[in-house]
Amino acid sequence: MVGRWLPLDVMRPKKDTAVVLTIRRISPVFTPDDPELVAHLIRERMAARQ
């Protein structure tokens, strides 16, 4: 079972997208202001590592 870690984000209730990074036993979860940009940056960096 993977635990989730959610840092304090007082604006989270007003956001509709959360990003979960499943990388280890603890998965950080965050709610970005611009989820499309975050998705683009993650894909870009993953492609660079291949």
Protein backbone atom coordinates (compact mmCIF):
# COMPACT_ATOMS: atom_id res chain seq x y z
CA MET A 1 0.00 0.00 0.00
CA VAL A 2 1.24 3.42 -0.94
CA GLY A 3 0.87 6.33 1.47
CA ARG A 4 -0.02 9.76 0.21
CA TRP A 5 1.61 13.00 1.34
CA LEU A 6 -0.32 16.21 0.76
CA PRO A 7 1.53 19.42 1.66
CA LEU A 8 -0.56 22.30 2.97
CA ASP A 9 -2.44 24.04 0.16
CA VAL A 10 -5.17 26.30 1.48
CA MET A 11 -6.46 26.81 -2.07
CA ARG A 12 -6.92 23.05 -2.69
CA PRO A 13 -10.72 23.16 -2.19
CA LYS A 14 -10.99 25.60 -5.11
CA LYS A 15 -8.92 23.43 -7.48
CA ASP A 16 -10.19 20.49 -9.47
CA THR A 17 -6.98 18.67 -10.45
CA ALA A 18 -4.50 16.83 -8.27
CA VAL A 19 -1.21 15.32 -9.38
CA VAL A 20 -0.06 12.11 -7.69
CA LEU A 21 3.57 11.14 -8.17
CA THR A 22 3.77 7.40 -7.55
CA ILE A 23 7.49 7.02 -7.06
CA ARG A 24 8.10 5.25 -3.75
CA ARG A 25 6.23 4.11 -0.66
CA ILE A 26 5.08 7.68 -0.06
CA SER A 27 3.49 9.43 -3.02
CA PRO A 28 3.43 13.22 -3.00
CA VAL A 29 0.13 14.73 -4.07
CA PHE A 30 -0.18 18.35 -5.07
CA THR A 31 -2.72 20.62 -6.72
CA PRO A 32 -0.98 22.86 -9.25
CA ASP A 33 -2.36 26.17 -10.45
CA ASP A 34 -1.62 25.11 -14.05
CA PRO A 35 -2.03 21.30 -14.31
CA GLU A 36 -1.52 21.28 -18.11
CA LEU A 37 1.88 22.93 -17.72
CA VAL A 38 2.85 20.46 -14.98
CA ALA A 39 1.84 17.51 -17.19
CA HIS A 40 3.84 18.95 -20.09
CA LEU A 41 6.96 19.44 -17.94
CA ILE A 42 6.75 15.93 -16.48
CA ARG A 43 6.37 14.36 -19.94
CA GLU A 44 9.24 16.48 -21.28
CA ARG A 45 11.59 15.38 -18.50
CA MET A 46 10.57 11.73 -18.76
CA ALA A 47 11.28 11.77 -22.52
CA ALA A 48 14.71 13.31 -21.89
CA ARG A 49 15.62 10.44 -19.56
CA GLN A 50 14.93 7.74 -22.18
